[in-house]
Amino acid sequence: MIAQAPNSVLLFSGGLDSTALAAITRPRICLYVDYGQRPAAGEKAAAERIAGALGLRLLTTRLPLTDFGSGLLLDDATAATAAPSPEWWPFRNQFLATAGAAVAVQHDASEVLVGSVLGDGDRHVDGSAGFYDAVDAVTAMQEGGIHVHAPALGLSTEDLLRASGLDEAVLGWSVSCHRSSRPCDDCPGCWKRDRVLHSVFPAMYG
C-alpha cells in the first residue's frame, strides 16, 4: 500500500502514473519539468489542470536537455545506439531525480517521488529497482540527505489507477504521447494509455 507523503516532491509529468501517484501520496509539491521533450506544452497544461483539480501545489521549471537527447521524445530521426526502447532519452530519470532533489532542498522536503511502475525496468534500466536504489544512495549521501523513491514500482499502471480512486474524467486529462501535445496514437505512450484506460474503465473506453 502506498502511503501519503506530505513532505515530498513528486516529479509530475501529467501522465497516468504520476497523476495516480499524486492523488495517493498528496505531496508537498508536484514538480513539472520541461526538459525539451516534444509533448511539453500538452504535458504542462495537463499537469496544471490535474494539480488544480486535486488541490495540490504545482511548480513548473525548464531544464533544457535537448543537446543530450535522442529518441521519440526528441524527434523521429534520432535513436542512440544503446537505446533499449524507442522513447529512451539517455539518463533522463537521473537528470530529473537530481532536479527534484534540488527543489526538495529549496523547500525543506525530505524525499523525491518518481512515478515509475512495474515493467518500466524491463524497457530501460532507469526504471528499475536497482537504479532507484543507486540514485537514492548517491542523493541521500549529499547535503540535505534527500531520498529518492519510486513507491509504485511494484504495481502495474492499472493497479495504481485503481488504488488512486480517480475517475475517468480526471485521468482523461492526462497526456502520455511521446511525439506531440496531442495523441499521435502511434507511439508506446499512446498505446499504453489506450490499453490501460480500456482495462480500468471498460464501460467508458471499451
N, C-alpha and C. Protein backbone atom coordinates (compact mmCIF):
# COMPACT_ATOMS: atom_id res chain seq x y z
N MET A 1 0.85 -1.20 0.00
CA MET A 1 0.00 0.00 0.00
C MET A 1 0.89 1.24 0.00
N ILE A 2 0.63 2.16 -0.89
CA ILE A 2 1.39 3.40 -0.97
C ILE A 2 0.82 4.40 0.03
N ALA A 3 1.69 4.99 0.84
CA ALA A 3 1.24 5.92 1.87
C ALA A 3 1.31 7.36 1.38
N GLN A 4 0.60 8.23 2.07
CA GLN A 4 0.73 9.65 1.80
C GLN A 4 2.15 10.10 2.13
N ALA A 5 2.62 11.10 1.42
CA ALA A 5 3.99 11.60 1.60
C ALA A 5 3.97 13.12 1.60
N PRO A 6 3.47 13.72 2.66
CA PRO A 6 3.27 15.18 2.68
C PRO A 6 4.54 16.00 2.68
N ASN A 7 5.69 15.36 2.88
CA ASN A 7 6.96 16.10 2.88
C ASN A 7 7.80 15.75 1.66
N SER A 8 7.12 15.52 0.54
CA SER A 8 7.81 15.06 -0.67
C SER A 8 7.64 16.03 -1.83
N VAL A 9 8.53 15.86 -2.81
CA VAL A 9 8.41 16.49 -4.12
C VAL A 9 8.15 15.37 -5.12
N LEU A 10 7.04 15.45 -5.82
CA LEU A 10 6.70 14.43 -6.82
C LEU A 10 7.02 14.94 -8.21
N LEU A 11 7.84 14.19 -8.96
CA LEU A 11 8.05 14.50 -10.37
C LEU A 11 6.76 14.21 -11.11
N PHE A 12 6.15 15.26 -11.66
CA PHE A 12 4.77 15.20 -12.15
C PHE A 12 4.72 15.55 -13.63
N SER A 13 4.51 14.54 -14.46
CA SER A 13 4.52 14.76 -15.91
C SER A 13 3.14 15.05 -16.49
N GLY A 14 2.09 14.85 -15.69
CA GLY A 14 0.75 14.96 -16.23
C GLY A 14 0.29 13.69 -16.93
N GLY A 15 1.07 12.61 -16.78
CA GLY A 15 0.69 11.32 -17.34
C GLY A 15 -0.10 10.48 -16.34
N LEU A 16 -0.52 9.30 -16.75
CA LEU A 16 -1.36 8.46 -15.90
C LEU A 16 -0.68 8.09 -14.58
N ASP A 17 0.57 7.64 -14.65
CA ASP A 17 1.24 7.14 -13.46
C ASP A 17 1.46 8.24 -12.42
N SER A 18 2.00 9.37 -12.84
CA SER A 18 2.26 10.43 -11.87
C SER A 18 0.97 11.07 -11.36
N THR A 19 -0.08 11.07 -12.19
CA THR A 19 -1.37 11.59 -11.74
C THR A 19 -1.94 10.73 -10.63
N ALA A 20 -1.93 9.41 -10.83
CA ALA A 20 -2.43 8.50 -9.80
C ALA A 20 -1.59 8.60 -8.53
N LEU A 21 -0.27 8.71 -8.69
CA LEU A 21 0.61 8.80 -7.54
C LEU A 21 0.38 10.11 -6.78
N ALA A 22 0.10 11.18 -7.48
CA ALA A 22 -0.20 12.46 -6.83
C ALA A 22 -1.44 12.35 -5.97
N ALA A 23 -2.47 11.69 -6.50
CA ALA A 23 -3.72 11.55 -5.75
C ALA A 23 -3.53 10.72 -4.49
N ILE A 24 -2.68 9.72 -4.54
CA ILE A 24 -2.46 8.84 -3.39
C ILE A 24 -1.53 9.47 -2.36
N THR A 25 -0.41 10.02 -2.81
CA THR A 25 0.63 10.47 -1.87
C THR A 25 0.42 11.88 -1.35
N ARG A 26 -0.33 12.71 -2.06
CA ARG A 26 -0.57 14.09 -1.65
C ARG A 26 0.74 14.81 -1.30
N PRO A 27 1.65 14.94 -2.27
CA PRO A 27 2.96 15.53 -2.00
C PRO A 27 2.88 17.02 -1.65
N ARG A 28 3.94 17.51 -1.03
CA ARG A 28 4.01 18.94 -0.74
C ARG A 28 4.05 19.74 -2.04
N ILE A 29 4.82 19.22 -3.01
CA ILE A 29 4.99 19.91 -4.29
C ILE A 29 4.93 18.89 -5.42
N CYS A 30 4.17 19.21 -6.44
CA CYS A 30 4.25 18.49 -7.71
C CYS A 30 5.16 19.32 -8.61
N LEU A 31 6.18 18.69 -9.17
CA LEU A 31 7.17 19.41 -9.98
C LEU A 31 7.08 18.96 -11.42
N TYR A 32 6.72 19.91 -12.30
CA TYR A 32 6.72 19.62 -13.74
C TYR A 32 7.99 20.19 -14.36
N VAL A 33 8.69 19.36 -15.12
CA VAL A 33 9.94 19.78 -15.75
C VAL A 33 9.82 19.70 -17.27
N ASP A 34 10.00 20.83 -17.91
CA ASP A 34 10.12 20.88 -19.37
C ASP A 34 11.60 20.74 -19.69
N TYR A 35 11.99 19.56 -20.18
CA TYR A 35 13.41 19.33 -20.47
C TYR A 35 13.68 19.34 -21.97
N GLY A 36 12.69 19.80 -22.75
CA GLY A 36 12.85 19.88 -24.20
C GLY A 36 12.10 18.81 -24.94
N GLN A 37 11.28 18.02 -24.24
CA GLN A 37 10.52 16.95 -24.88
C GLN A 37 9.41 17.51 -25.76
N ARG A 38 9.12 16.82 -26.86
CA ARG A 38 8.13 17.32 -27.81
C ARG A 38 6.74 17.55 -27.19
N PRO A 39 6.25 16.68 -26.30
CA PRO A 39 4.90 16.91 -25.76
C PRO A 39 4.85 17.89 -24.60
N ALA A 40 5.89 18.68 -24.38
CA ALA A 40 5.99 19.52 -23.18
C ALA A 40 4.77 20.43 -22.96
N ALA A 41 4.31 21.10 -24.01
CA ALA A 41 3.20 22.04 -23.84
C ALA A 41 1.94 21.32 -23.37
N GLY A 42 1.66 20.17 -23.97
CA GLY A 42 0.49 19.40 -23.56
C GLY A 42 0.63 18.82 -22.18
N GLU A 43 1.83 18.34 -21.85
CA GLU A 43 2.07 17.80 -20.51
C GLU A 43 1.89 18.89 -19.45
N LYS A 44 2.44 20.05 -19.71
CA LYS A 44 2.34 21.15 -18.74
C LYS A 44 0.89 21.55 -18.51
N ALA A 45 0.12 21.65 -19.60
CA ALA A 45 -1.30 22.00 -19.47
C ALA A 45 -2.04 20.94 -18.66
N ALA A 46 -1.73 19.67 -18.92
CA ALA A 46 -2.36 18.59 -18.17
C ALA A 46 -1.97 18.65 -16.70
N ALA A 47 -0.68 18.87 -16.43
CA ALA A 47 -0.22 18.95 -15.05
C ALA A 47 -0.91 20.08 -14.30
N GLU A 48 -1.06 21.22 -14.94
CA GLU A 48 -1.71 22.36 -14.30
C GLU A 48 -3.18 22.05 -14.00
N ARG A 49 -3.86 21.46 -14.95
CA ARG A 49 -5.29 21.17 -14.76
C ARG A 49 -5.49 20.11 -13.68
N ILE A 50 -4.68 19.06 -13.71
CA ILE A 50 -4.84 17.97 -12.76
C ILE A 50 -4.45 18.40 -11.35
N ALA A 51 -3.34 19.10 -11.21
CA ALA A 51 -2.93 19.58 -9.89
C ALA A 51 -4.00 20.50 -9.30
N GLY A 52 -4.57 21.35 -10.14
CA GLY A 52 -5.64 22.23 -9.67
C GLY A 52 -6.84 21.44 -9.18
N ALA A 53 -7.23 20.41 -9.93
CA ALA A 53 -8.38 19.58 -9.54
C ALA A 53 -8.12 18.82 -8.25
N LEU A 54 -6.86 18.43 -8.02
CA LEU A 54 -6.51 17.68 -6.82
C LEU A 54 -6.16 18.58 -5.64
N GLY A 55 -6.11 19.88 -5.87
CA GLY A 55 -5.77 20.82 -4.80
C GLY A 55 -4.33 20.72 -4.36
N LEU A 56 -3.44 20.42 -5.30
CA LEU A 56 -2.02 20.26 -4.98
C LEU A 56 -1.20 21.42 -5.56
N ARG A 57 -0.13 21.75 -4.89
CA ARG A 57 0.75 22.83 -5.35
C ARG A 57 1.62 22.32 -6.50
N LEU A 58 1.66 23.07 -7.57
CA LEU A 58 2.47 22.71 -8.74
C LEU A 58 3.54 23.76 -8.97
N LEU A 59 4.78 23.32 -9.12
CA LEU A 59 5.86 24.15 -9.60
C LEU A 59 6.24 23.69 -11.00
N THR A 60 6.51 24.61 -11.89
CA THR A 60 6.97 24.26 -13.23
C THR A 60 8.33 24.89 -13.47
N THR A 61 9.18 24.17 -14.19
CA THR A 61 10.51 24.68 -14.45
C THR A 61 11.01 24.16 -15.78
N ARG A 62 12.07 24.77 -16.30
CA ARG A 62 12.70 24.32 -17.53
C ARG A 62 14.12 23.85 -17.21
N LEU A 63 14.47 22.69 -17.76
CA LEU A 63 15.81 22.15 -17.62
C LEU A 63 16.21 21.65 -19.01
N PRO A 64 16.65 22.54 -19.90
CA PRO A 64 16.86 22.16 -21.30
C PRO A 64 17.92 21.06 -21.45
N LEU A 65 17.48 19.93 -21.98
CA LEU A 65 18.37 18.78 -22.17
C LEU A 65 18.42 18.32 -23.62
N THR A 66 17.96 19.15 -24.54
CA THR A 66 17.89 18.70 -25.93
C THR A 66 19.26 18.36 -26.51
N ASP A 67 20.30 19.00 -26.01
CA ASP A 67 21.64 18.68 -26.51
C ASP A 67 22.08 17.28 -26.13
N PHE A 68 21.38 16.68 -25.17
CA PHE A 68 21.75 15.35 -24.69
C PHE A 68 20.70 14.30 -25.04
N GLY A 69 19.66 14.69 -25.77
CA GLY A 69 18.54 13.80 -26.01
C GLY A 69 18.62 12.98 -27.27
N SER A 70 17.75 12.00 -27.34
CA SER A 70 17.56 11.19 -28.55
C SER A 70 16.27 10.42 -28.40
N GLY A 71 15.79 9.85 -29.51
CA GLY A 71 14.57 9.05 -29.45
C GLY A 71 13.31 9.84 -29.74
N LEU A 72 12.15 9.18 -29.61
CA LEU A 72 10.88 9.77 -30.00
C LEU A 72 10.55 11.05 -29.25
N LEU A 73 10.98 11.17 -28.02
CA LEU A 73 10.68 12.37 -27.26
C LEU A 73 11.39 13.60 -27.81
N LEU A 74 12.43 13.37 -28.61
CA LEU A 74 13.16 14.48 -29.24
C LEU A 74 12.73 14.67 -30.69
N ASP A 75 12.77 13.60 -31.47
CA ASP A 75 12.32 13.63 -32.86
C ASP A 75 12.22 12.20 -33.36
N ASP A 76 11.83 12.04 -34.61
CA ASP A 76 11.66 10.70 -35.18
C ASP A 76 12.94 10.18 -35.84
N ALA A 77 13.98 11.01 -35.85
CA ALA A 77 15.16 10.65 -36.65
C ALA A 77 16.33 10.16 -35.82
N THR A 78 16.28 10.38 -34.50
CA THR A 78 17.44 10.02 -33.68
C THR A 78 17.12 8.87 -32.75
N ALA A 79 18.08 8.02 -32.56
CA ALA A 79 18.00 6.96 -31.57
C ALA A 79 19.42 6.56 -31.22
N ALA A 80 19.75 6.64 -29.94
CA ALA A 80 21.09 6.28 -29.51
C ALA A 80 21.36 4.81 -29.80
N THR A 81 22.61 4.49 -30.09
CA THR A 81 22.98 3.11 -30.38
C THR A 81 22.58 2.18 -29.25
N ALA A 82 22.69 2.66 -28.02
CA ALA A 82 22.39 1.83 -26.86
C ALA A 82 20.92 1.84 -26.47
N ALA A 83 20.07 2.50 -27.25
CA ALA A 83 18.67 2.69 -26.86
C ALA A 83 17.95 1.36 -26.67
N PRO A 84 17.36 1.13 -25.48
CA PRO A 84 16.62 -0.10 -25.24
C PRO A 84 15.16 -0.01 -25.67
N SER A 85 14.67 1.21 -25.94
CA SER A 85 13.28 1.40 -26.37
C SER A 85 13.20 2.67 -27.21
N PRO A 86 12.18 2.81 -28.06
CA PRO A 86 12.12 3.95 -28.98
C PRO A 86 12.11 5.31 -28.31
N GLU A 87 11.50 5.38 -27.12
CA GLU A 87 11.35 6.68 -26.45
C GLU A 87 12.51 7.01 -25.51
N TRP A 88 13.51 6.14 -25.44
CA TRP A 88 14.58 6.30 -24.45
C TRP A 88 15.36 7.59 -24.67
N TRP A 89 15.47 8.38 -23.61
CA TRP A 89 16.25 9.63 -23.58
C TRP A 89 17.39 9.39 -22.59
N PRO A 90 18.64 9.39 -23.03
CA PRO A 90 19.75 8.98 -22.17
C PRO A 90 19.79 9.72 -20.83
N PHE A 91 19.78 8.96 -19.75
CA PHE A 91 19.95 9.45 -18.39
C PHE A 91 18.86 10.42 -17.95
N ARG A 92 17.71 10.39 -18.63
CA ARG A 92 16.63 11.33 -18.31
C ARG A 92 16.22 11.25 -16.83
N ASN A 93 15.91 10.06 -16.34
CA ASN A 93 15.42 9.94 -14.97
C ASN A 93 16.46 10.36 -13.94
N GLN A 94 17.72 10.20 -14.30
CA GLN A 94 18.79 10.65 -13.41
C GLN A 94 18.82 12.17 -13.34
N PHE A 95 18.71 12.83 -14.50
CA PHE A 95 18.63 14.29 -14.52
C PHE A 95 17.43 14.77 -13.70
N LEU A 96 16.27 14.16 -13.95
CA LEU A 96 15.03 14.64 -13.32
C LEU A 96 15.02 14.39 -11.82
N ALA A 97 15.54 13.24 -11.40
CA ALA A 97 15.62 12.97 -9.97
C ALA A 97 16.53 13.98 -9.27
N THR A 98 17.62 14.35 -9.94
CA THR A 98 18.53 15.34 -9.38
C THR A 98 17.85 16.70 -9.28
N ALA A 99 17.11 17.08 -10.31
CA ALA A 99 16.37 18.34 -10.26
C ALA A 99 15.35 18.32 -9.13
N GLY A 100 14.66 17.20 -8.99
CA GLY A 100 13.69 17.09 -7.90
C GLY A 100 14.35 17.21 -6.54
N ALA A 101 15.53 16.62 -6.37
CA ALA A 101 16.25 16.71 -5.11
C ALA A 101 16.67 18.15 -4.80
N ALA A 102 17.08 18.87 -5.83
CA ALA A 102 17.46 20.28 -5.63
C ALA A 102 16.26 21.10 -5.18
N VAL A 103 15.10 20.84 -5.77
CA VAL A 103 13.88 21.54 -5.36
C VAL A 103 13.49 21.13 -3.94
N ALA A 104 13.68 19.86 -3.60
CA ALA A 104 13.38 19.41 -2.25
C ALA A 104 14.24 20.16 -1.23
N VAL A 105 15.51 20.37 -1.53
CA VAL A 105 16.38 21.13 -0.62
C VAL A 105 15.86 22.56 -0.46
N GLN A 106 15.47 23.18 -1.57
CA GLN A 106 14.98 24.55 -1.52
C GLN A 106 13.73 24.69 -0.66
N HIS A 107 12.90 23.66 -0.67
CA HIS A 107 11.60 23.74 0.01
C HIS A 107 11.52 22.89 1.27
N ASP A 108 12.68 22.48 1.76
CA ASP A 108 12.76 21.74 3.02
C ASP A 108 11.92 20.46 3.00
N ALA A 109 11.90 19.79 1.85
CA ALA A 109 11.25 18.49 1.75
C ALA A 109 12.30 17.41 1.96
N SER A 110 11.84 16.19 2.22
CA SER A 110 12.79 15.14 2.59
C SER A 110 12.98 14.08 1.52
N GLU A 111 12.09 14.04 0.53
CA GLU A 111 12.20 12.98 -0.47
C GLU A 111 11.64 13.41 -1.81
N VAL A 112 12.11 12.71 -2.83
CA VAL A 112 11.61 12.88 -4.20
C VAL A 112 10.89 11.60 -4.59
N LEU A 113 9.69 11.73 -5.12
CA LEU A 113 8.93 10.58 -5.59
C LEU A 113 8.91 10.57 -7.12
N VAL A 114 9.10 9.39 -7.69
CA VAL A 114 9.12 9.23 -9.14
C VAL A 114 8.06 8.18 -9.51
N GLY A 115 7.36 8.40 -10.61
CA GLY A 115 6.22 7.57 -10.97
C GLY A 115 6.51 6.34 -11.79
N SER A 116 7.68 5.75 -11.67
CA SER A 116 7.95 4.51 -12.40
C SER A 116 7.08 3.39 -11.83
N VAL A 117 6.65 2.48 -12.72
CA VAL A 117 5.77 1.38 -12.32
C VAL A 117 6.35 0.04 -12.76
N LEU A 118 5.67 -1.01 -12.38
CA LEU A 118 6.08 -2.37 -12.73
C LEU A 118 6.26 -2.51 -14.24
N GLY A 119 7.38 -3.05 -14.65
CA GLY A 119 7.64 -3.26 -16.07
C GLY A 119 8.50 -2.18 -16.71
N ASP A 120 8.58 -1.00 -16.07
CA ASP A 120 9.42 0.06 -16.65
C ASP A 120 10.88 -0.38 -16.73
N GLY A 121 11.31 -1.14 -15.74
CA GLY A 121 12.69 -1.61 -15.73
C GLY A 121 12.98 -2.64 -16.81
N ASP A 122 11.93 -3.22 -17.39
CA ASP A 122 12.13 -4.16 -18.50
C ASP A 122 12.46 -3.41 -19.79
N ARG A 123 12.09 -2.12 -19.85
CA ARG A 123 12.29 -1.33 -21.06
C ARG A 123 13.56 -0.50 -21.00
N HIS A 124 13.95 -0.08 -19.79
CA HIS A 124 15.17 0.71 -19.65
C HIS A 124 15.62 0.66 -18.19
N VAL A 125 16.92 0.65 -17.97
CA VAL A 125 17.47 0.47 -16.62
C VAL A 125 17.01 1.56 -15.67
N ASP A 126 16.83 2.80 -16.17
CA ASP A 126 16.45 3.87 -15.25
C ASP A 126 14.98 3.84 -14.86
N GLY A 127 14.34 2.69 -15.04
CA GLY A 127 13.02 2.45 -14.48
C GLY A 127 13.04 1.24 -13.55
N SER A 128 14.22 0.81 -13.16
CA SER A 128 14.37 -0.43 -12.38
C SER A 128 14.61 -0.14 -10.90
N ALA A 129 14.37 -1.16 -10.06
CA ALA A 129 14.59 -1.02 -8.62
C ALA A 129 16.07 -0.76 -8.33
N GLY A 130 16.96 -1.44 -9.04
CA GLY A 130 18.39 -1.24 -8.83
C GLY A 130 18.81 0.19 -9.11
N PHE A 131 18.26 0.77 -10.16
CA PHE A 131 18.58 2.16 -10.49
C PHE A 131 18.14 3.08 -9.36
N TYR A 132 16.91 2.92 -8.88
CA TYR A 132 16.42 3.81 -7.83
C TYR A 132 17.16 3.62 -6.52
N ASP A 133 17.56 2.39 -6.22
CA ASP A 133 18.37 2.17 -5.03
C ASP A 133 19.69 2.94 -5.14
N ALA A 134 20.30 2.90 -6.31
CA ALA A 134 21.58 3.59 -6.51
C ALA A 134 21.42 5.10 -6.46
N VAL A 135 20.39 5.63 -7.13
CA VAL A 135 20.16 7.08 -7.13
C VAL A 135 19.83 7.56 -5.72
N ASP A 136 19.03 6.78 -5.00
CA ASP A 136 18.71 7.14 -3.62
C ASP A 136 19.97 7.22 -2.77
N ALA A 137 20.84 6.24 -2.93
CA ALA A 137 22.07 6.21 -2.12
C ALA A 137 22.96 7.41 -2.41
N VAL A 138 23.16 7.73 -3.69
CA VAL A 138 24.09 8.82 -4.02
C VAL A 138 23.48 10.17 -3.70
N THR A 139 22.15 10.29 -3.77
CA THR A 139 21.50 11.56 -3.43
C THR A 139 21.45 11.77 -1.92
N ALA A 140 21.12 10.71 -1.18
CA ALA A 140 20.98 10.82 0.27
C ALA A 140 22.31 11.06 0.97
N MET A 141 23.42 10.67 0.33
CA MET A 141 24.72 10.87 0.97
C MET A 141 25.18 12.32 0.91
N GLN A 142 24.51 13.13 0.09
CA GLN A 142 24.90 14.51 -0.09
C GLN A 142 24.15 15.42 0.89
N GLU A 143 24.59 16.68 0.93
CA GLU A 143 23.97 17.65 1.82
C GLU A 143 22.46 17.70 1.60
N GLY A 144 21.72 17.73 2.68
CA GLY A 144 20.26 17.73 2.60
C GLY A 144 19.69 16.36 2.88
N GLY A 145 20.45 15.29 2.60
CA GLY A 145 20.00 13.94 2.88
C GLY A 145 18.70 13.58 2.20
N ILE A 146 18.51 14.04 0.97
CA ILE A 146 17.26 13.79 0.25
C ILE A 146 17.22 12.35 -0.27
N HIS A 147 16.09 11.69 -0.05
CA HIS A 147 15.90 10.34 -0.57
C HIS A 147 15.08 10.37 -1.86
N VAL A 148 15.31 9.38 -2.71
CA VAL A 148 14.60 9.24 -3.97
C VAL A 148 13.89 7.90 -3.97
N HIS A 149 12.57 7.92 -4.14
CA HIS A 149 11.78 6.70 -4.10
C HIS A 149 10.86 6.58 -5.31
N ALA A 150 10.61 5.36 -5.72
CA ALA A 150 9.61 5.06 -6.74
C ALA A 150 8.58 4.14 -6.09
N PRO A 151 7.62 4.70 -5.35
CA PRO A 151 6.74 3.89 -4.50
C PRO A 151 5.79 2.96 -5.25
N ALA A 152 5.60 3.19 -6.55
CA ALA A 152 4.68 2.35 -7.32
C ALA A 152 5.40 1.30 -8.15
N LEU A 153 6.68 1.09 -7.88
CA LEU A 153 7.48 0.21 -8.73
C LEU A 153 6.99 -1.23 -8.72
N GLY A 154 6.28 -1.62 -7.68
CA GLY A 154 5.75 -2.98 -7.63
C GLY A 154 4.33 -3.12 -8.15
N LEU A 155 3.78 -2.04 -8.68
CA LEU A 155 2.40 -2.04 -9.17
C LEU A 155 2.34 -1.80 -10.67
N SER A 156 1.39 -2.42 -11.32
CA SER A 156 1.11 -2.08 -12.71
C SER A 156 0.40 -0.73 -12.74
N THR A 157 0.38 -0.10 -13.91
CA THR A 157 -0.37 1.16 -14.02
C THR A 157 -1.84 0.94 -13.73
N GLU A 158 -2.38 -0.18 -14.19
CA GLU A 158 -3.79 -0.47 -13.92
C GLU A 158 -4.07 -0.53 -12.42
N ASP A 159 -3.21 -1.25 -11.67
CA ASP A 159 -3.40 -1.34 -10.22
C ASP A 159 -3.23 0.02 -9.55
N LEU A 160 -2.28 0.80 -10.03
CA LEU A 160 -2.05 2.13 -9.46
C LEU A 160 -3.26 3.03 -9.67
N LEU A 161 -3.83 3.00 -10.86
CA LEU A 161 -5.01 3.82 -11.14
C LEU A 161 -6.18 3.40 -10.26
N ARG A 162 -6.37 2.11 -10.10
CA ARG A 162 -7.47 1.65 -9.25
C ARG A 162 -7.25 2.08 -7.81
N ALA A 163 -6.02 2.01 -7.33
CA ALA A 163 -5.72 2.42 -5.96
C ALA A 163 -5.93 3.91 -5.74
N SER A 164 -5.78 4.70 -6.79
CA SER A 164 -5.92 6.15 -6.66
C SER A 164 -7.35 6.60 -6.42
N GLY A 165 -8.31 5.82 -6.88
CA GLY A 165 -9.71 6.20 -6.75
C GLY A 165 -10.14 7.30 -7.71
N LEU A 166 -9.26 7.69 -8.63
CA LEU A 166 -9.60 8.76 -9.57
C LEU A 166 -10.58 8.25 -10.62
N ASP A 167 -11.43 9.15 -11.09
CA ASP A 167 -12.39 8.75 -12.11
C ASP A 167 -11.83 9.03 -13.50
N GLU A 168 -12.58 8.59 -14.51
CA GLU A 168 -12.10 8.71 -15.88
C GLU A 168 -12.01 10.16 -16.35
N ALA A 169 -12.75 11.06 -15.70
CA ALA A 169 -12.71 12.46 -16.11
C ALA A 169 -11.33 13.06 -15.83
N VAL A 170 -10.84 12.90 -14.60
CA VAL A 170 -9.52 13.45 -14.24
C VAL A 170 -8.42 12.74 -15.03
N LEU A 171 -8.48 11.42 -15.08
CA LEU A 171 -7.45 10.67 -15.80
C LEU A 171 -7.49 10.96 -17.30
N GLY A 172 -8.65 11.34 -17.78
CA GLY A 172 -8.79 11.69 -19.20
C GLY A 172 -8.05 12.95 -19.58
N TRP A 173 -7.69 13.77 -18.59
CA TRP A 173 -6.92 14.99 -18.87
C TRP A 173 -5.44 14.69 -19.05
N SER A 174 -5.00 13.50 -18.68
CA SER A 174 -3.58 13.17 -18.71
C SER A 174 -3.05 13.14 -20.15
N VAL A 175 -1.74 13.32 -20.27
CA VAL A 175 -1.06 13.30 -21.56
C VAL A 175 0.08 12.29 -21.49
N SER A 176 0.13 11.37 -22.46
CA SER A 176 1.14 10.31 -22.43
C SER A 176 1.91 10.16 -23.74
N CYS A 177 1.57 10.96 -24.74
CA CYS A 177 2.19 10.81 -26.06
C CYS A 177 3.67 11.17 -26.00
N HIS A 178 4.47 10.45 -26.77
CA HIS A 178 5.90 10.73 -26.84
C HIS A 178 6.25 11.70 -27.97
N ARG A 179 5.34 11.91 -28.89
CA ARG A 179 5.64 12.72 -30.07
C ARG A 179 5.05 14.13 -30.04
N SER A 180 3.93 14.31 -29.35
CA SER A 180 3.17 15.53 -29.53
C SER A 180 2.35 15.86 -28.28
N SER A 181 1.89 17.11 -28.21
CA SER A 181 0.99 17.50 -27.14
C SER A 181 -0.40 16.91 -27.33
N ARG A 182 -0.68 16.45 -28.52
CA ARG A 182 -1.93 15.73 -28.81
C ARG A 182 -1.60 14.29 -29.14
N PRO A 183 -2.47 13.34 -28.80
CA PRO A 183 -2.15 11.93 -29.05
C PRO A 183 -1.86 11.65 -30.52
N CYS A 184 -0.73 11.00 -30.76
CA CYS A 184 -0.42 10.60 -32.14
C CYS A 184 -1.00 9.22 -32.45
N ASP A 185 -1.37 8.47 -31.38
CA ASP A 185 -1.93 7.13 -31.50
C ASP A 185 -0.97 6.12 -32.11
N ASP A 186 0.31 6.48 -32.19
CA ASP A 186 1.27 5.58 -32.83
C ASP A 186 2.63 5.65 -32.14
N CYS A 187 2.61 5.61 -30.81
CA CYS A 187 3.86 5.57 -30.05
C CYS A 187 3.60 4.74 -28.80
N PRO A 188 4.66 4.29 -28.12
CA PRO A 188 4.45 3.46 -26.93
C PRO A 188 3.61 4.14 -25.85
N GLY A 189 3.76 5.45 -25.70
CA GLY A 189 2.97 6.16 -24.69
C GLY A 189 1.49 6.13 -24.99
N CYS A 190 1.12 6.38 -26.24
CA CYS A 190 -0.29 6.35 -26.63
C CYS A 190 -0.85 4.94 -26.55
N TRP A 191 -0.06 3.95 -26.97
CA TRP A 191 -0.54 2.57 -26.92
C TRP A 191 -0.81 2.15 -25.48
N LYS A 192 0.11 2.50 -24.57
CA LYS A 192 -0.07 2.13 -23.17
C LYS A 192 -1.29 2.83 -22.58
N ARG A 193 -1.43 4.12 -22.83
CA ARG A 193 -2.55 4.88 -22.26
C ARG A 193 -3.87 4.29 -22.71
N ASP A 194 -3.98 3.97 -24.00
CA ASP A 194 -5.22 3.40 -24.53
C ASP A 194 -5.51 2.05 -23.88
N ARG A 195 -4.48 1.20 -23.78
CA ARG A 195 -4.66 -0.13 -23.19
C ARG A 195 -5.10 -0.03 -21.73
N VAL A 196 -4.46 0.84 -20.97
CA VAL A 196 -4.75 0.95 -19.55
C VAL A 196 -6.16 1.49 -19.31
N LEU A 197 -6.54 2.54 -20.03
CA LEU A 197 -7.86 3.12 -19.81
C LEU A 197 -8.97 2.15 -20.23
N HIS A 198 -8.73 1.38 -21.29
CA HIS A 198 -9.71 0.36 -21.68
C HIS A 198 -9.85 -0.70 -20.59
N SER A 199 -8.75 -1.03 -19.94
CA SER A 199 -8.77 -2.05 -18.90
C SER A 199 -9.45 -1.56 -17.63
N VAL A 200 -9.15 -0.33 -17.21
CA VAL A 200 -9.67 0.18 -15.95
C VAL A 200 -11.09 0.69 -16.07
N PHE A 201 -11.44 1.26 -17.22
CA PHE A 201 -12.78 1.80 -17.44
C PHE A 201 -13.40 1.18 -18.68
N PRO A 202 -13.70 -0.12 -18.66
CA PRO A 202 -14.20 -0.78 -19.88
C PRO A 202 -15.52 -0.21 -20.37
N ALA A 203 -16.36 0.25 -19.46
CA ALA A 203 -17.65 0.79 -19.90
C ALA A 203 -17.48 2.10 -20.65
N MET A 204 -16.46 2.86 -20.26
CA MET A 204 -16.25 4.16 -20.90
C MET A 204 -15.41 4.05 -22.16
N TYR A 205 -14.36 3.19 -22.11
CA TYR A 205 -13.40 3.13 -23.20
C TYR A 205 -13.47 1.80 -23.97
N GLY A 206 -14.35 0.91 -23.56
CA GLY A 206 -14.43 -0.39 -24.19
C GLY A 206 -15.04 -0.36 -25.57
